[in-house]
Amino acid sequence: MRLVDHVFDDQVIDTLTVKLILPEGARSIHVEAPYPIEREPDQLHYTYLDTFGRPVVVATKNNLVEQHIQDMVVHYNFNKILMLQEPLLVVGAFYILFFTVIVYVRLDFSITKDPVAEVRMKVASLTEQVLTLVNRRLGVYRHCDEAVGRYKQARDSGTLNAARKALEAEHRTLTNDIASLQARLKAEGSDLADKVSEIQKLDGQVKELAWRAVQEAERLVGGKLKKEAYLESERQLSSRRQELVARIDTLLDVL
């Protein structure tokens, strides 16, 4: 770069001061000029996203003419890692902003409690527990079907009876837990308690059909029922169970 450039012919400059702003983080600054110049102490210049300022080289020269239009060289060291400083500052600022907004919207600054909101939260929690238990109870029937399938292949009544007792115990526990949640929903004044009651009634019918399927399999294996009759009975029981389970799923969607 040039300390002075051509402005007009036969120009004469009594005093010239040049300030050269370098990138933030520049160090070990050295100026090579083709003629003597006076360097004043370096200054700092601040602009957007600067943290510790950009160094400013200040050079002065008196009595300049056109012959002084010559190049000078400025040497300095600069760590390339500092090029990531400003992008990281922007990213960090947005991160702090979004984090602050997330925390703010989740905090409750109300001085008094909202009874309606608390009841709504309790009902939502109870409903979620009911959904989980009902789905687990429907899974009991799938396990029952699997036990019947293994029984028809292995013809081991002892294994079937053991599986049936375990499934009945699990079903009983889940049904009692759902009934307890239903009572709590009713105590909170929620209309969803009636839906849970209807689910309980439908499940009773599903349970009866599932145990009838077990009995039909025992009759088939024991030779008391022909295969054609068993297949027809199994089809009817399965069709009826699917209808009831579909109605239960519809009620679960309402919850």
Protein backbone atom coordinates (compact mmCIF):
# COMPACT_ATOMS: atom_id res chain seq x y z
CA MET A 1 0.00 0.00 0.00
CA ARG A 2 1.02 3.65 -0.37
CA LEU A 3 1.37 6.18 2.41
CA VAL A 4 0.21 8.91 0.00
CA ASP A 5 -1.29 8.72 -3.46
CA HIS A 6 -1.67 11.10 -6.40
CA VAL A 7 -4.33 13.75 -5.85
CA PHE A 8 -3.32 16.46 -8.30
CA ASP A 9 -0.20 17.48 -10.20
CA ASP A 10 2.69 19.08 -8.32
CA GLN A 11 0.98 18.37 -5.00
CA VAL A 12 2.66 19.35 -1.73
CA ILE A 13 1.45 18.09 1.63
CA ASP A 14 2.69 19.83 4.74
CA THR A 15 1.61 17.19 7.25
CA LEU A 16 0.06 13.78 6.63
CA THR A 17 -1.34 11.34 9.19
CA VAL A 18 -2.34 7.86 8.05
CA LYS A 19 -4.24 5.36 10.19
CA LEU A 20 -4.22 1.72 9.09
CA ILE A 21 -6.77 -0.57 10.79
CA LEU A 22 -5.59 -4.19 11.00
CA PRO A 23 -7.64 -7.33 11.79
CA GLU A 24 -8.47 -8.01 15.42
CA GLY A 25 -5.79 -10.23 16.90
CA ALA A 26 -2.93 -8.94 14.72
CA ARG A 27 0.38 -8.77 16.62
CA SER A 28 4.08 -8.26 16.06
CA ILE A 29 3.32 -5.35 13.73
CA HIS A 30 6.24 -4.02 11.66
CA VAL A 31 6.14 -1.28 9.02
CA GLU A 32 8.67 -1.05 6.18
CA ALA A 33 8.67 2.36 4.42
CA PRO A 34 10.94 3.55 1.55
CA TYR A 35 11.63 6.75 3.50
CA PRO A 36 11.62 7.72 7.18
CA ILE A 37 8.22 8.10 8.81
CA GLU A 38 7.15 8.72 12.36
CA ARG A 39 5.05 6.01 14.05
CA GLU A 40 2.88 7.07 16.89
CA PRO A 41 1.69 4.61 19.54
CA ASP A 42 -0.74 2.08 18.15
CA GLN A 43 -4.39 2.62 18.91
CA LEU A 44 -7.44 0.38 19.14
CA HIS A 45 -10.54 0.57 16.98
CA TYR A 46 -13.81 -1.15 17.92
CA THR A 47 -16.50 -2.22 15.50
CA TYR A 48 -19.32 -4.81 15.52
CA LEU A 49 -18.55 -8.19 17.17
CA ASP A 50 -15.12 -7.01 18.32
CA THR A 51 -14.02 -8.07 21.80
CA PHE A 52 -10.58 -6.59 22.47
CA GLY A 53 -10.35 -4.16 19.55
CA ARG A 54 -8.51 -3.94 16.23
CA PRO A 55 -4.98 -2.52 16.29
CA VAL A 56 -4.51 0.76 14.41
CA VAL A 57 -1.10 1.72 13.00
CA VAL A 58 -0.66 5.53 13.07
CA ALA A 59 2.03 7.02 10.83
CA THR A 60 2.85 10.72 10.22
CA LYS A 61 5.08 12.44 7.68
CA ASN A 62 5.81 16.13 6.91
CA ASN A 63 6.57 17.86 3.60
CA LEU A 64 5.37 15.27 1.12
CA VAL A 65 5.60 15.69 -2.65
CA GLU A 66 4.83 13.45 -5.64
CA GLN A 67 8.19 11.66 -5.28
CA HIS A 68 6.92 10.23 -1.98
CA ILE A 69 4.25 8.20 -3.81
CA GLN A 70 5.87 4.84 -3.11
CA ASP A 71 4.71 1.52 -1.65
CA MET A 72 5.23 0.59 1.96
CA VAL A 73 4.79 -2.86 3.50
CA VAL A 74 3.12 -3.75 6.81
CA HIS A 75 4.05 -7.09 8.40
CA TYR A 76 2.02 -8.70 11.21
CA ASN A 77 1.19 -12.13 12.64
CA PHE A 78 -2.39 -13.36 12.68
CA ASN A 79 -3.77 -16.62 14.10
CA LYS A 80 -6.27 -18.09 11.61
CA ILE A 81 -8.28 -19.57 14.48
CA LEU A 82 -9.43 -16.03 15.26
CA MET A 83 -11.40 -16.08 12.00
CA LEU A 84 -13.92 -18.31 13.82
CA GLN A 85 -14.34 -15.82 16.67
CA GLU A 86 -17.14 -13.73 15.21
CA PRO A 87 -19.20 -16.68 13.84
CA LEU A 88 -18.93 -18.39 17.22
CA LEU A 89 -20.03 -15.22 18.97
CA VAL A 90 -23.15 -15.09 16.80
CA VAL A 91 -23.91 -18.76 17.39
CA GLY A 92 -23.37 -18.37 21.13
CA ALA A 93 -25.63 -15.32 21.29
CA PHE A 94 -28.48 -17.12 19.51
CA TYR A 95 -27.97 -20.20 21.69
CA ILE A 96 -28.26 -18.12 24.87
CA LEU A 97 -31.33 -16.34 23.47
CA PHE A 98 -33.15 -19.56 22.57
CA PHE A 99 -32.17 -21.22 25.86
CA THR A 100 -33.46 -18.22 27.80
CA VAL A 101 -36.78 -18.30 25.91
CA ILE A 102 -37.16 -22.06 26.51
CA VAL A 103 -36.52 -21.64 30.24
CA TYR A 104 -38.82 -18.61 30.45
CA VAL A 105 -41.83 -20.26 28.83
CA ARG A 106 -41.48 -23.30 31.11
CA LEU A 107 -41.29 -21.37 34.36
CA ASP A 108 -44.38 -20.59 36.38
CA PHE A 109 -44.21 -17.04 37.71
CA SER A 110 -47.73 -16.99 39.10
CA ILE A 111 -47.98 -16.17 42.80
CA THR A 112 -51.19 -18.13 43.39
CA LYS A 113 -51.92 -21.66 42.25
CA ASP A 114 -54.46 -22.35 39.52
CA PRO A 115 -56.79 -25.14 40.75
CA VAL A 116 -58.18 -25.74 37.28
CA ALA A 117 -54.72 -26.17 35.80
CA GLU A 118 -53.72 -28.54 38.61
CA VAL A 119 -56.82 -30.69 38.06
CA ARG A 120 -56.16 -30.73 34.33
CA MET A 121 -52.60 -31.90 34.94
CA LYS A 122 -53.75 -34.63 37.34
CA VAL A 123 -56.37 -35.87 34.87
CA ALA A 124 -53.80 -35.93 32.07
CA SER A 125 -51.42 -37.96 34.22
CA LEU A 126 -54.14 -40.43 35.27
CA THR A 127 -55.31 -40.78 31.66
CA GLU A 128 -51.78 -41.57 30.50
CA GLN A 129 -51.53 -44.29 33.14
CA VAL A 130 -54.89 -45.75 32.06
CA LEU A 131 -53.74 -45.90 28.44
CA THR A 132 -50.58 -47.73 29.43
CA LEU A 133 -52.41 -50.28 31.58
CA VAL A 134 -55.14 -50.95 29.00
CA ASN A 135 -52.55 -51.59 26.30
CA ARG A 136 -50.71 -53.95 28.63
CA ARG A 137 -53.96 -55.78 29.36
CA LEU A 138 -54.66 -56.18 25.65
CA GLY A 139 -51.19 -57.69 25.40
CA VAL A 140 -52.28 -60.38 27.88
CA TYR A 141 -54.75 -61.67 25.30
CA ARG A 142 -52.02 -61.87 22.69
CA HIS A 143 -49.92 -63.93 25.09
CA CYS A 144 -52.95 -66.11 25.69
CA ASP A 145 -53.30 -66.77 21.95
CA GLU A 146 -49.62 -67.69 21.79
CA ALA A 147 -50.03 -70.11 24.70
CA VAL A 148 -52.99 -71.75 22.94
CA GLY A 149 -50.96 -72.10 19.75
CA ARG A 150 -48.12 -73.79 21.62
CA TYR A 151 -50.60 -76.05 23.40
CA LYS A 152 -52.15 -77.25 20.13
CA GLN A 153 -48.70 -78.18 18.87
CA ALA A 154 -47.18 -79.71 22.02
CA ARG A 155 -50.46 -80.96 23.58
CA ASP A 156 -49.02 -80.23 27.04
CA SER A 157 -51.91 -79.35 29.33
CA GLY A 158 -49.62 -78.61 32.26
CA THR A 159 -47.86 -75.82 30.35
CA LEU A 160 -51.20 -74.41 29.23
CA ASN A 161 -52.62 -74.37 32.78
CA ALA A 162 -49.49 -72.68 34.14
CA ALA A 163 -49.60 -70.03 31.43
CA ARG A 164 -53.34 -69.50 31.98
CA LYS A 165 -52.89 -68.99 35.74
CA ALA A 166 -50.07 -66.49 35.19
CA LEU A 167 -52.07 -64.57 32.60
CA GLU A 168 -55.20 -64.54 34.77
CA ALA A 169 -53.19 -63.16 37.69
CA GLU A 170 -51.64 -60.46 35.50
CA HIS A 171 -55.03 -59.60 34.02
CA ARG A 172 -56.59 -59.35 37.47
CA THR A 173 -53.82 -57.03 38.69
CA LEU A 174 -54.10 -54.75 35.67
CA THR A 175 -57.88 -54.62 35.93
CA ASN A 176 -57.69 -53.64 39.61
CA ASP A 177 -55.13 -50.94 38.83
CA ILE A 178 -57.35 -49.52 36.08
CA ALA A 179 -60.34 -49.56 38.41
CA SER A 180 -58.31 -47.62 40.98
CA LEU A 181 -57.38 -44.99 38.37
CA GLN A 182 -61.02 -44.82 37.30
CA ALA A 183 -62.03 -44.02 40.87
CA ARG A 184 -59.43 -41.26 41.04
CA LEU A 185 -60.67 -39.78 37.75
CA LYS A 186 -64.20 -39.80 39.09
CA ALA A 187 -63.02 -38.08 42.27
CA GLU A 188 -61.48 -35.33 40.13
CA GLY A 189 -64.85 -34.83 38.42
CA SER A 190 -63.60 -35.93 35.01
CA ASP A 191 -66.03 -37.26 32.41
CA LEU A 192 -63.30 -39.64 31.28
CA ALA A 193 -64.19 -41.92 34.20
CA ASP A 194 -67.31 -42.99 32.26
CA LYS A 195 -65.16 -43.86 29.25
CA VAL A 196 -62.87 -45.97 31.42
CA SER A 197 -65.93 -47.71 32.88
CA GLU A 198 -67.10 -48.60 29.37
CA ILE A 199 -63.63 -49.91 28.53
CA GLN A 200 -63.80 -52.13 31.62
CA LYS A 201 -67.13 -53.58 30.51
CA LEU A 202 -65.88 -54.28 27.00
CA ASP A 203 -62.75 -55.88 28.37
CA GLY A 204 -64.88 -58.24 30.43
CA GLN A 205 -66.43 -59.50 27.20
CA VAL A 206 -63.01 -59.82 25.55
CA LYS A 207 -61.77 -61.81 28.54
CA GLU A 208 -64.73 -64.19 28.33
CA LEU A 209 -64.08 -64.80 24.63
CA ALA A 210 -60.37 -65.37 25.23
CA TRP A 211 -60.98 -67.99 27.93
CA ARG A 212 -63.62 -69.65 25.71
CA ALA A 213 -60.96 -69.96 23.01
CA VAL A 214 -58.74 -71.75 25.53
CA GLN A 215 -61.56 -74.15 26.42
CA GLU A 216 -62.28 -74.84 22.75
CA ALA A 217 -58.60 -75.68 22.20
CA GLU A 218 -58.70 -78.09 25.15
CA ARG A 219 -61.77 -79.79 23.70
CA LEU A 220 -60.06 -80.08 20.32
CA VAL A 221 -56.91 -81.62 21.75
CA GLY A 222 -58.98 -83.90 24.01
CA GLY A 223 -60.87 -85.24 21.00
CA LYS A 224 -64.22 -83.83 22.15
CA LEU A 225 -64.53 -81.41 19.23
CA LYS A 226 -63.99 -81.97 15.53
CA LYS A 227 -61.48 -79.82 13.69
CA GLU A 228 -64.08 -78.29 11.36
CA ALA A 229 -66.28 -77.28 14.28
CA TYR A 230 -63.26 -75.90 16.12
CA LEU A 231 -62.17 -73.78 13.16
CA GLU A 232 -65.65 -72.33 12.79
CA SER A 233 -65.84 -71.58 16.51
CA GLU A 234 -62.38 -70.05 16.46
CA ARG A 235 -63.35 -67.83 13.54
CA GLN A 236 -66.47 -66.57 15.29
CA LEU A 237 -64.66 -65.93 18.58
CA SER A 238 -61.81 -64.13 16.82
CA SER A 239 -64.20 -61.97 14.81
CA ARG A 240 -66.13 -60.98 17.92
CA ARG A 241 -62.91 -60.20 19.81
CA GLN A 242 -61.66 -57.99 17.02
CA GLU A 243 -64.90 -55.99 17.10
CA LEU A 244 -64.64 -55.48 20.85
CA VAL A 245 -60.94 -54.53 20.68
CA ALA A 246 -61.74 -52.03 17.92
CA ARG A 247 -64.35 -50.41 20.16
CA ILE A 248 -61.81 -50.27 22.99
CA ASP A 249 -59.29 -48.63 20.67
CA THR A 250 -61.90 -46.05 19.70
CA LEU A 251 -62.47 -45.19 23.35
CA LEU A 252 -58.73 -44.98 23.93
CA ASP A 253 -58.48 -42.42 21.13
CA VAL A 254 -61.09 -40.33 22.96
CA LEU A 255 -58.98 -40.41 26.11
